Protein backbone atom coordinates (compact mmCIF):
# COMPACT_ATOMS: atom_id res chain seq x y z
CA MET A 1 4.61 36.84 -8.37
CA LYS A 2 7.38 34.96 -10.17
CA SER A 3 5.90 32.03 -12.30
CA SER A 4 7.18 28.75 -11.99
CA VAL A 5 10.78 27.79 -13.49
CA THR A 6 9.97 26.14 -16.98
CA LEU A 7 11.92 23.57 -19.38
CA LYS A 8 13.27 26.61 -21.48
CA ASP A 9 14.45 28.51 -18.24
CA ILE A 10 16.35 25.28 -16.96
CA ALA A 11 18.04 24.86 -20.47
CA LYS A 12 19.06 28.51 -20.28
CA ALA A 13 20.56 28.50 -17.03
CA LEU A 14 22.59 25.06 -17.80
CA ASN A 15 23.28 25.96 -21.48
CA LEU A 16 21.69 22.95 -22.55
CA SER A 17 18.96 21.92 -25.54
CA ILE A 18 15.27 21.72 -24.02
CA SER A 19 15.12 18.23 -25.46
CA THR A 20 18.24 17.23 -23.35
CA ILE A 21 16.37 18.73 -20.36
CA SER A 22 13.23 16.95 -21.12
CA LYS A 23 14.95 13.54 -21.67
CA SER A 24 17.07 13.98 -18.47
CA LEU A 25 13.80 14.61 -16.45
CA ASN A 26 12.35 11.47 -17.95
CA ASP A 27 15.45 9.35 -17.09
CA SER A 28 16.29 8.52 -20.49
CA TYR A 29 19.27 6.42 -21.71
CA GLU A 30 20.24 8.63 -24.17
CA ILE A 31 21.38 11.09 -21.56
CA SER A 32 24.67 11.01 -19.57
CA THR A 33 24.40 10.37 -15.73
CA ASP A 34 26.47 13.40 -15.10
CA THR A 35 24.07 15.58 -17.09
CA LYS A 36 21.02 13.86 -15.74
CA ALA A 37 22.42 14.68 -12.17
CA ARG A 38 23.02 18.16 -12.85
CA VAL A 39 19.34 18.82 -14.22
CA LEU A 40 17.61 17.08 -11.59
CA GLU A 41 19.61 19.15 -8.91
CA TYR A 42 18.35 22.71 -10.64
CA ALA A 43 15.17 20.99 -11.01
CA ARG A 44 14.75 20.36 -7.42
CA GLU A 45 16.39 23.70 -5.82
CA HIS A 46 14.21 25.82 -8.22
CA HIS A 47 11.03 23.79 -7.60
CA TYR A 48 10.38 22.60 -11.39
CA SER A 49 6.86 20.90 -11.61
CA PRO A 50 6.04 19.26 -14.80
CA ASN A 51 2.79 20.49 -16.43
CA ARG A 52 0.74 17.22 -16.41
CA LEU A 53 -1.97 18.57 -18.40
CA ALA A 54 0.31 19.58 -21.25
CA LYS A 55 2.14 16.27 -21.18
CA GLY A 56 -1.30 14.70 -21.06
CA LEU A 57 -2.36 16.20 -23.80
CA LYS A 58 0.59 15.45 -26.05
CA GLU A 59 0.50 12.00 -25.49
CA GLY A 60 -3.49 11.73 -25.69
CA LYS A 61 -4.04 10.76 -22.06
CA SER A 62 -5.10 12.64 -18.65
CA ARG A 63 -2.19 11.03 -16.71
CA SER A 64 -4.78 10.64 -14.11
CA ILE A 65 -5.63 7.10 -12.46
CA GLY A 66 -8.98 6.35 -10.40
CA VAL A 67 -8.84 4.26 -7.34
CA VAL A 68 -11.43 2.59 -5.42
CA VAL A 69 -11.46 1.46 -2.03
CA CYS A 70 -13.86 0.02 0.54
CA SER A 71 -13.22 2.79 2.94
CA LEU A 72 -10.67 5.53 3.92
CA ASN A 73 -11.06 4.80 7.56
CA ASN A 74 -8.81 1.97 7.76
CA ASN A 75 -5.09 1.44 8.15
CA PHE A 76 -4.63 -1.21 5.88
CA VAL A 77 -6.07 0.47 3.03
CA ALA A 78 -4.13 4.00 3.77
CA GLN A 79 -0.94 1.52 3.64
CA MET A 80 -1.91 0.63 0.53
CA LEU A 81 -2.87 4.16 -0.96
CA ASP A 82 0.62 5.39 0.22
CA GLY A 83 2.18 2.50 -2.06
CA ILE A 84 -0.27 3.47 -4.92
CA ASP A 85 0.76 7.17 -4.27
CA GLN A 86 4.43 6.81 -4.51
CA VAL A 87 4.45 4.88 -7.62
CA SER A 88 1.96 7.33 -9.41
CA THR A 89 3.61 10.42 -8.33
CA ALA A 90 7.10 9.10 -9.76
CA ARG A 91 5.47 8.32 -12.93
CA ALA A 92 3.53 11.83 -13.11
CA TYR A 93 0.04 10.38 -12.73
CA GLN A 94 -2.42 11.62 -10.36
CA THR A 95 -4.69 9.47 -8.46
CA ILE A 96 -8.44 10.14 -7.76
CA ILE A 97 -9.52 8.30 -4.84
CA MET A 98 -13.11 7.18 -4.18
CA GLN A 99 -14.64 4.58 -1.48
CA SER A 100 -17.55 2.37 -1.99
CA LYS A 101 -18.13 1.85 1.63
CA GLU A 102 -19.00 -1.84 0.88
CA SER A 103 -21.88 -0.90 -1.31
CA TYR A 104 -22.09 -2.30 -4.82
CA LEU A 105 -23.94 0.53 -5.85
CA GLN A 106 -22.00 3.11 -4.52
CA GLU A 107 -19.00 1.19 -6.20
CA ARG A 108 -20.97 1.49 -9.57
CA ALA A 109 -21.45 5.12 -9.02
CA CYS A 110 -17.98 5.94 -8.28
CA LEU A 111 -16.80 3.63 -11.36
CA GLU A 112 -19.30 5.71 -13.64
CA LEU A 113 -17.97 9.25 -12.25
CA LEU A 114 -14.11 7.95 -12.69
CA HIS A 115 -15.10 6.76 -16.21
CA ALA A 116 -16.84 9.99 -16.99
CA GLY A 117 -13.82 12.04 -15.90
CA GLY A 118 -11.58 10.42 -18.07
CA VAL A 119 -9.30 8.43 -16.25
CA ASP A 120 -6.49 6.68 -17.94
CA GLY A 121 -7.47 3.57 -15.88
CA ILE A 122 -8.84 1.96 -12.76
CA LEU A 123 -7.39 0.44 -9.31
CA ILE A 124 -10.19 -1.26 -7.64
CA SER A 125 -10.52 -2.93 -4.59
CA PRO A 126 -14.16 -4.32 -4.69
CA ALA A 127 -16.99 -3.67 -2.16
CA CYS A 128 -17.86 -6.84 0.16
CA GLU A 129 -21.21 -6.56 -1.60
CA THR A 130 -19.75 -7.05 -5.02
CA SER A 131 -20.81 -10.21 -6.75
CA ASP A 132 -21.69 -8.92 -10.21
CA PHE A 133 -18.61 -7.82 -12.12
CA SER A 134 -20.59 -7.24 -15.53
CA PHE A 135 -20.13 -3.58 -15.41
CA LEU A 136 -16.54 -3.71 -14.47
CA LYS A 137 -16.05 -5.89 -17.33
CA SER A 138 -18.09 -3.64 -19.86
CA LEU A 139 -15.41 -0.85 -18.78
CA GLN A 140 -12.66 -3.21 -19.38
CA GLU A 141 -14.11 -4.50 -22.95
CA GLY A 142 -14.48 -0.92 -23.65
CA GLY A 143 -10.50 -0.14 -23.59
CA LEU A 144 -10.18 0.93 -19.91
CA PRO A 145 -7.32 -0.91 -18.27
CA ILE A 146 -8.50 -2.10 -14.78
CA VAL A 147 -6.32 -3.75 -11.82
CA LEU A 148 -7.83 -5.35 -9.07
CA PHE A 149 -5.86 -5.30 -5.52
CA ASP A 150 -6.30 -6.77 -2.53
CA ARG A 151 -9.64 -8.31 -2.94
CA LEU A 152 -9.59 -10.33 -5.92
CA SER A 153 -12.12 -12.60 -8.10
CA GLU A 154 -11.94 -15.04 -10.81
CA GLN A 155 -14.64 -13.21 -12.94
CA MET A 156 -12.24 -10.65 -13.85
CA HIS A 157 -9.55 -11.62 -16.39
CA THR A 158 -6.67 -8.63 -15.55
CA ASP A 159 -3.79 -8.14 -13.52
CA LYS A 160 -4.69 -8.69 -9.91
CA VAL A 161 -2.34 -7.82 -6.75
CA GLY A 162 -3.02 -9.35 -3.17
CA ALA A 163 -1.55 -10.98 -0.19
CA ASP A 164 -1.48 -14.66 0.49
CA ASN A 165 -4.78 -14.92 2.31
CA PHE A 166 -4.60 -18.75 2.60
CA LYS A 167 -1.10 -18.75 3.98
CA GLY A 168 -1.97 -16.13 6.47
CA ALA A 169 -5.13 -17.92 7.69
CA TYR A 170 -3.59 -21.43 7.74
CA GLU A 171 -0.52 -20.25 9.67
CA ALA A 172 -2.80 -18.27 12.02
CA THR A 173 -4.79 -21.46 12.73
CA ALA A 174 -1.93 -23.72 12.89
CA HIS A 175 -0.19 -21.31 15.84
CA LEU A 176 -3.28 -21.57 17.73
CA LEU A 177 -3.09 -25.49 17.29
CA ASP A 178 0.38 -25.39 18.14
CA GLN A 179 -0.40 -23.57 21.43
CA GLY A 180 -2.90 -26.30 22.59
CA TYR A 181 -6.21 -24.90 21.59
CA ARG A 182 -8.53 -27.11 19.77
CA ASN A 183 -11.85 -25.89 19.47
CA ILE A 184 -11.23 -22.60 17.29
CA ALA A 185 -13.63 -20.56 15.80
CA HIS A 186 -13.53 -18.49 12.94
CA ILE A 187 -15.38 -15.04 12.38
CA THR A 188 -15.19 -13.80 8.88
CA THR A 189 -17.13 -11.58 6.43
CA ASN A 190 -20.16 -12.29 4.44
CA THR A 191 -18.60 -11.78 0.98
CA THR A 192 -17.75 -14.11 -1.87
CA LEU A 193 -14.37 -12.29 -2.27
CA SER A 194 -11.04 -13.81 -2.13
CA ILE A 195 -10.38 -12.18 1.20
CA SER A 196 -12.89 -14.28 2.95
CA THR A 197 -13.00 -17.56 1.05
CA ASP A 198 -9.35 -17.82 1.01
CA ARG A 199 -8.99 -17.23 4.71
CA LEU A 200 -11.66 -19.81 5.58
CA ASN A 201 -9.98 -22.30 3.39
CA GLY A 202 -7.04 -21.81 5.25
CA TYR A 203 -8.47 -22.11 8.33
CA LYS A 204 -10.21 -25.34 7.27
CA GLN A 205 -6.73 -26.82 5.80
CA ALA A 206 -4.99 -26.26 8.94
CA LEU A 207 -7.61 -28.22 11.17
CA GLN A 208 -7.56 -30.97 8.69
CA ASP A 209 -3.51 -31.24 8.58
CA GLN A 210 -3.62 -31.71 12.33
CA GLY A 211 -6.58 -34.13 12.59
CA ILE A 212 -9.40 -31.55 13.92
CA THR A 213 -12.78 -32.24 12.53
CA TYR A 214 -13.92 -28.94 11.07
CA ARG A 215 -17.30 -27.77 12.85
CA PRO A 216 -19.07 -25.16 10.83
CA GLU A 217 -21.15 -24.13 13.90
CA LEU A 218 -17.62 -22.50 14.75
CA VAL A 219 -17.69 -20.13 12.02
CA LYS A 220 -19.56 -16.95 12.13
CA TYR A 221 -19.95 -14.22 9.56
CA CYS A 222 -20.27 -10.42 9.95
CA SER A 223 -21.58 -7.62 7.79
CA TYR A 224 -19.09 -5.29 6.68
CA SER A 225 -21.60 -2.46 5.86
CA ASP A 226 -20.51 -0.20 8.63
CA SER A 227 -19.06 -0.26 12.33
CA SER A 228 -22.03 -0.42 14.07
CA SER A 229 -23.42 -3.23 12.06
CA ILE A 230 -19.86 -5.14 12.58
CA ARG A 231 -20.23 -4.60 16.11
CA THR A 232 -23.83 -5.84 16.50
CA ASP A 233 -23.09 -8.76 14.28
CA LEU A 234 -19.92 -9.53 16.51
CA GLU A 235 -21.69 -9.25 19.79
CA HIS A 236 -24.24 -11.76 18.57
CA ALA A 237 -21.70 -14.30 17.01
CA ILE A 238 -19.64 -14.01 20.41
CA ASP A 239 -22.90 -14.87 22.21
CA GLU A 240 -23.77 -17.89 19.92
CA LEU A 241 -20.41 -19.38 20.22
CA LEU A 242 -20.18 -19.02 23.72
CA LYS A 243 -23.26 -21.02 24.24
CA LEU A 244 -22.14 -23.87 22.41
CA ASP A 245 -22.13 -27.16 24.15
CA THR A 246 -18.45 -27.12 23.19
CA ALA A 247 -17.56 -23.56 23.37
CA PRO A 248 -14.38 -22.30 21.30
CA ASP A 249 -11.47 -21.96 23.35
CA ALA A 250 -9.74 -19.57 20.70
CA ILE A 251 -10.95 -17.47 18.09
CA PHE A 252 -9.45 -16.38 14.53
CA THR A 253 -10.84 -13.02 13.27
CA ALA A 254 -10.32 -12.41 9.38
CA GLY A 255 -10.51 -8.44 9.10
CA ASP A 256 -9.11 -5.08 10.79
CA GLN A 257 -12.28 -3.95 12.51
CA ILE A 258 -13.32 -7.59 13.30
CA SER A 259 -10.26 -8.44 14.94
CA THR A 260 -9.91 -5.04 17.17
CA GLN A 261 -13.65 -4.82 17.91
CA CYS A 262 -13.61 -8.77 18.93
CA LEU A 263 -10.98 -8.08 21.57
CA ALA A 264 -12.68 -4.82 23.07
CA ILE A 265 -16.06 -6.96 23.16
CA LEU A 266 -14.41 -9.91 25.16
CA ASN A 267 -12.32 -7.50 27.21
CA LYS A 268 -15.78 -6.10 28.11
CA ARG A 269 -17.37 -9.22 28.98
CA GLY A 270 -14.48 -10.19 31.49
CA ILE A 271 -13.22 -12.96 29.28
CA LYS A 272 -9.27 -13.22 30.00
CA ILE A 273 -7.17 -13.73 26.85
CA PRO A 274 -5.49 -16.05 26.30
CA ALA A 275 -6.27 -17.93 29.51
CA ASP A 276 -10.11 -18.24 28.67
CA LEU A 277 -9.60 -17.50 24.86
CA GLY A 278 -7.00 -17.48 22.66
CA LEU A 279 -6.99 -14.85 19.84
CA VAL A 280 -5.65 -14.13 16.48
CA GLY A 281 -6.39 -11.43 14.08
CA PHE A 282 -6.14 -10.66 10.25
CA THR A 283 -5.10 -6.70 11.02
CA ASN A 284 -2.23 -4.37 9.76
CA THR A 285 -3.19 -1.80 12.74
CA ASP A 286 -0.39 -0.10 14.36
CA LEU A 287 -1.98 -0.40 17.79
CA ALA A 288 -1.59 -4.15 17.99
CA ASP A 289 1.26 -3.87 20.53
CA ALA A 290 -0.75 -1.45 22.68
CA LEU A 291 -4.08 -3.38 22.93
CA ASN A 292 -4.43 -5.28 25.93
CA PRO A 293 -3.41 -7.91 25.54
CA ALA A 294 -1.10 -7.42 22.73
CA LEU A 295 -2.60 -8.83 19.71
CA THR A 296 -1.22 -11.70 17.52
CA THR A 297 -1.90 -10.68 14.24
CA VAL A 298 -1.41 -11.67 10.59
CA HIS A 299 0.52 -8.81 8.99
CA GLN A 300 0.01 -8.16 5.04
CA PRO A 301 2.28 -6.34 2.75
CA ALA A 302 -0.12 -3.47 2.11
CA PHE A 303 2.34 -0.80 0.97
CA GLU A 304 3.97 -3.33 -1.36
CA ILE A 305 0.48 -4.49 -2.75
CA GLY A 306 -0.28 -0.87 -3.51
CA GLN A 307 2.92 -0.26 -5.45
CA LEU A 308 2.97 -3.38 -7.64
CA ALA A 309 -0.84 -2.79 -8.67
CA ALA A 310 -0.15 0.99 -9.53
CA GLU A 311 3.40 -0.36 -11.31
CA LYS A 312 0.85 -2.91 -13.13
CA LEU A 313 -2.11 -0.75 -14.16
CA ILE A 314 0.75 1.70 -15.49
CA ALA A 315 2.26 -0.78 -17.68
CA LEU A 316 -1.25 -1.46 -18.96
CA ILE A 317 -1.97 2.09 -19.72
CA GLU A 318 1.37 2.42 -21.44
CA HIS A 319 1.11 -0.67 -23.33
CA LYS A 320 1.76 -0.18 -27.13
CA SER A 321 0.71 -2.98 -28.87
CA GLY A 322 0.64 -6.97 -29.14
CA GLU A 323 -0.89 -9.40 -26.59
CA ILE A 324 -1.40 -8.52 -23.05
CA SER A 325 -0.40 -11.38 -20.56
CA HIS A 326 -1.98 -11.12 -17.21
CA GLU A 327 -1.15 -12.26 -14.05
CA THR A 328 -1.99 -12.48 -10.52
CA LYS A 329 0.61 -11.83 -8.00
CA VAL A 330 0.09 -12.79 -4.39
CA LEU A 331 2.41 -11.68 -1.76
CA ASP A 332 3.63 -13.41 1.58
CA THR A 333 1.89 -12.62 4.94
CA VAL A 334 3.73 -12.39 8.26
CA LEU A 335 2.56 -13.99 11.32
CA MET A 336 3.05 -11.51 14.38
CA VAL A 337 2.85 -13.66 17.59
CA ARG A 338 2.07 -11.45 20.59
CA ASN A 339 0.40 -12.03 24.16
CA SER A 340 -3.09 -12.70 23.07
CA SER A 341 -2.23 -16.35 21.71
């Protein structure tokens, strides 16, 4: 079998130095646009693949990034991972993806394995169970670059990238109010992370701004440990809501699985949507248009969150010296109005 083409092979074929080939492939400003184009075209045609291990040894890095997410069985997470992969691949980093399954203990085990494996940095969307960030802080204090994405916490002083959950929840609730609904329930997750607290606060603010009294009994919490737990908690929450003296005429749900399963439960019980109950979800599912009825949703820029988080982590990894100024980037959500509201 013929071995893979090397920098030396490309240099010989194009009558250029190995240094010029290397700089061209790394998009160096020292090399002309025409030369870089020639080199890249030849590299593509001959399936050149850089030796990441050799490059990493030379730079004193593994050129690997650890990524910890709640679950891989989630369309929103898949979209974020796609954004992470695009950036890391372009920058010659490989990603090692692990899932916490919403468990703090499993999340810590993932972090320990990644750290022991010598990753250059970690991207993490914390588990819903996570309220103690001391272990993550200890890794950071030991010199490991860490970036939080999607699920943010004030306990970590680092770069963070997420969606504007407050705005998304505010607009979802305001939309239901504009449609004439007045007793709007909110079903969310039992976590202290920003995804839950910001959405709850956005919901409350929209009610207040339109003169609607906030009713705590209209807010219900679901476990996020697994899909069966969510289903059980949701059925119980819906039963409690429908038994209230002043029952809700609309529901705003705050998560992918909650949104779609809530619609399924209501349909199964013969509750007409939106005639009996309006429904708005916080979800990026591609099936929103195909559901019965089509589900009004708050769409999050998942791919862009992944891209920006990866860019920030690589910037931290490759930071040479001087003070590091961390920032939190919050990206806009978009309300997608469909038949359920």
